[in-house]
């Protein structure tokens, strides 16, 4: 018998249009705090699940440049890695 999908660790390799690769380790062992670890251009990024309307979306304040975070959004066999400007303008939860 297999554990529930949310309790598994899944590793995947994505190939970018540029030819670069992103190796991702999805860690769903904690249902309350799913995580993803990305290996991209020789650097590791620990990302945390954030709300999305569709697919799985992860983010981190750690980025490729100062004051830039990263967002990883995957759905099916495709994913997008993008930078986020960390301008600290997001409102706090009430």
C-alpha atoms as a PDB file:
ATOM      1  CA  UNK A   1       0.000   0.000   0.000  1.00  0.00           C
ATOM      2  CA  UNK A   2       1.295   3.464  -0.914  1.00  0.00           C
ATOM      3  CA  UNK A   3       1.127   6.479   1.400  1.00  0.00           C
ATOM      4  CA  UNK A   4      -1.267   9.273   0.388  1.00  0.00           C
ATOM      5  CA  UNK A   5       0.070  11.540  -2.380  1.00  0.00           C
ATOM      6  CA  UNK A   6       0.390  14.461   0.037  1.00  0.00           C
ATOM      7  CA  UNK A   7       2.804  12.411   2.173  1.00  0.00           C
ATOM      8  CA  UNK A   8       5.304  11.731  -0.597  1.00  0.00           C
ATOM      9  CA  UNK A   9       8.542  13.257  -1.779  1.00  0.00           C
ATOM     10  CA  UNK A  10       8.694  13.687  -5.538  1.00  0.00           C
ATOM     11  CA  UNK A  11      11.787  14.630  -7.530  1.00  0.00           C
ATOM     12  CA  UNK A  12      11.543  16.072 -11.032  1.00  0.00           C
ATOM     13  CA  UNK A  13      13.847  17.644 -13.604  1.00  0.00           C
ATOM     14  CA  UNK A  14      12.568  20.443 -15.823  1.00  0.00           C
ATOM     15  CA  UNK A  15      14.394  21.612 -18.941  1.00  0.00           C
ATOM     16  CA  UNK A  16      14.100  25.328 -19.714  1.00  0.00           C
ATOM     17  CA  UNK A  17      13.734  26.811 -23.192  1.00  0.00           C
ATOM     18  CA  UNK A  18      17.209  28.301 -22.618  1.00  0.00           C
ATOM     19  CA  UNK A  19      18.664  24.807 -22.170  1.00  0.00           C
ATOM     20  CA  UNK A  20      19.190  25.184 -18.410  1.00  0.00           C
ATOM     21  CA  UNK A  21      17.727  22.590 -16.076  1.00  0.00           C
ATOM     22  CA  UNK A  22      15.875  22.938 -12.791  1.00  0.00           C
ATOM     23  CA  UNK A  23      15.881  19.974 -10.429  1.00  0.00           C
ATOM     24  CA  UNK A  24      13.020  20.115  -7.943  1.00  0.00           C
ATOM     25  CA  UNK A  25      12.355  18.051  -4.850  1.00  0.00           C
ATOM     26  CA  UNK A  26       8.720  18.424  -3.801  1.00  0.00           C
ATOM     27  CA  UNK A  27       8.316  17.557  -0.126  1.00  0.00           C
ATOM     28  CA  UNK A  28       4.700  16.890   0.794  1.00  0.00           C
ATOM     29  CA  UNK A  29       5.393  14.977   4.005  1.00  0.00           C
ATOM     30  CA  UNK A  30       3.908  17.800   6.117  1.00  0.00           C
ATOM     31  CA  UNK A  31       0.403  18.461   4.783  1.00  0.00           C
ATOM     32  CA  UNK A  32       0.322  21.808   6.605  1.00  0.00           C
ATOM     33  CA  UNK A  33       3.600  23.049   5.093  1.00  0.00           C
ATOM     34  CA  UNK A  34       4.419  21.598   1.640  1.00  0.00           C
ATOM     35  CA  UNK A  35       7.847  22.673   0.390  1.00  0.00           C
ATOM     36  CA  UNK A  36       9.975  22.528  -2.719  1.00  0.00           C
ATOM     37  CA  UNK A  37      13.763  22.658  -3.014  1.00  0.00           C
ATOM     38  CA  UNK A  38      15.020  23.940  -6.366  1.00  0.00           C
ATOM     39  CA  UNK A  39      18.507  23.403  -7.719  1.00  0.00           C
ATOM     40  CA  UNK A  40      19.033  26.017 -10.430  1.00  0.00           C
ATOM     41  CA  UNK A  41      22.321  27.256 -11.930  1.00  0.00           C
ATOM     42  CA  UNK A  42      24.290  25.655  -9.125  1.00  0.00           C
ATOM     43  CA  UNK A  43      22.262  27.259  -6.325  1.00  0.00           C
ATOM     44  CA  UNK A  44      19.693  25.764  -3.973  1.00  0.00           C
ATOM     45  CA  UNK A  45      16.462  27.554  -3.124  1.00  0.00           C
ATOM     46  CA  UNK A  46      14.126  26.402  -0.343  1.00  0.00           C
ATOM     47  CA  UNK A  47      10.595  27.423  -1.218  1.00  0.00           C
ATOM     48  CA  UNK A  48       7.281  27.277   0.597  1.00  0.00           C
ATOM     49  CA  UNK A  49       3.812  26.633  -0.816  1.00  0.00           C
ATOM     50  CA  UNK A  50       1.693  29.740  -1.317  1.00  0.00           C
ATOM     51  CA  UNK A  51      -1.935  30.030  -2.482  1.00  0.00           C
ATOM     52  CA  UNK A  52      -2.684  29.600  -6.176  1.00  0.00           C
ATOM     53  CA  UNK A  53      -5.849  29.400  -8.245  1.00  0.00           C
ATOM     54  CA  UNK A  54      -4.466  26.464 -10.222  1.00  0.00           C
ATOM     55  CA  UNK A  55      -1.416  24.212 -10.015  1.00  0.00           C
ATOM     56  CA  UNK A  56       1.202  24.317  -7.264  1.00  0.00           C
ATOM     57  CA  UNK A  57       2.921  27.618  -6.452  1.00  0.00           C
ATOM     58  CA  UNK A  58       5.970  28.059  -4.229  1.00  0.00           C
ATOM     59  CA  UNK A  59       7.885  31.188  -3.252  1.00  0.00           C
ATOM     60  CA  UNK A  60      10.939  32.351  -1.334  1.00  0.00           C
ATOM     61  CA  UNK A  61      12.440  35.704  -0.429  1.00  0.00           C
ATOM     62  CA  UNK A  62      15.844  34.283  -1.385  1.00  0.00           C
ATOM     63  CA  UNK A  63      16.553  35.164  -4.998  1.00  0.00           C
ATOM     64  CA  UNK A  64      19.198  35.515  -7.646  1.00  0.00           C
ATOM     65  CA  UNK A  65      19.771  39.196  -6.775  1.00  0.00           C
ATOM     66  CA  UNK A  66      19.366  41.312  -3.630  1.00  0.00           C
ATOM     67  CA  UNK A  67      15.763  42.436  -2.985  1.00  0.00           C
ATOM     68  CA  UNK A  68      14.435  39.811  -5.393  1.00  0.00           C
ATOM     69  CA  UNK A  69      12.552  36.688  -4.457  1.00  0.00           C
ATOM     70  CA  UNK A  70      11.630  33.710  -6.594  1.00  0.00           C
ATOM     71  CA  UNK A  71       8.341  32.116  -7.526  1.00  0.00           C
ATOM     72  CA  UNK A  72       7.988  28.567  -8.891  1.00  0.00           C
ATOM     73  CA  UNK A  73       4.613  27.716 -10.410  1.00  0.00           C
ATOM     74  CA  UNK A  74       3.982  24.239 -11.763  1.00  0.00           C
ATOM     75  CA  UNK A  75       0.997  22.586 -13.369  1.00  0.00           C
ATOM     76  CA  UNK A  76       1.143  19.191 -15.015  1.00  0.00           C
ATOM     77  CA  UNK A  77       4.473  18.728 -16.807  1.00  0.00           C
ATOM     78  CA  UNK A  78       5.234  22.445 -17.118  1.00  0.00           C
ATOM     79  CA  UNK A  79       6.522  25.056 -14.709  1.00  0.00           C
ATOM     80  CA  UNK A  80       7.607  28.685 -14.608  1.00  0.00           C
ATOM     81  CA  UNK A  81      10.377  30.227 -12.511  1.00  0.00           C
ATOM     82  CA  UNK A  82      10.109  33.993 -12.126  1.00  0.00           C
ATOM     83  CA  UNK A  83      11.600  36.755 -10.008  1.00  0.00           C
ATOM     84  CA  UNK A  84       9.566  38.817  -7.569  1.00  0.00           C
ATOM     85  CA  UNK A  85      10.534  42.335  -6.534  1.00  0.00           C
ATOM     86  CA  UNK A  86      10.697  42.448  -2.754  1.00  0.00           C
ATOM     87  CA  UNK A  87       9.389  45.982  -2.209  1.00  0.00           C
ATOM     88  CA  UNK A  88       7.706  45.027   1.090  1.00  0.00           C
ATOM     89  CA  UNK A  89       4.402  46.648   0.109  1.00  0.00           C
ATOM     90  CA  UNK A  90       2.236  43.594   0.821  1.00  0.00           C
ATOM     91  CA  UNK A  91      -0.360  44.222   3.496  1.00  0.00           C
ATOM     92  CA  UNK A  92      -0.387  42.205   6.687  1.00  0.00           C
ATOM     93  CA  UNK A  93      -3.295  39.910   7.409  1.00  0.00           C
ATOM     94  CA  UNK A  94      -5.885  41.609   9.658  1.00  0.00           C
END
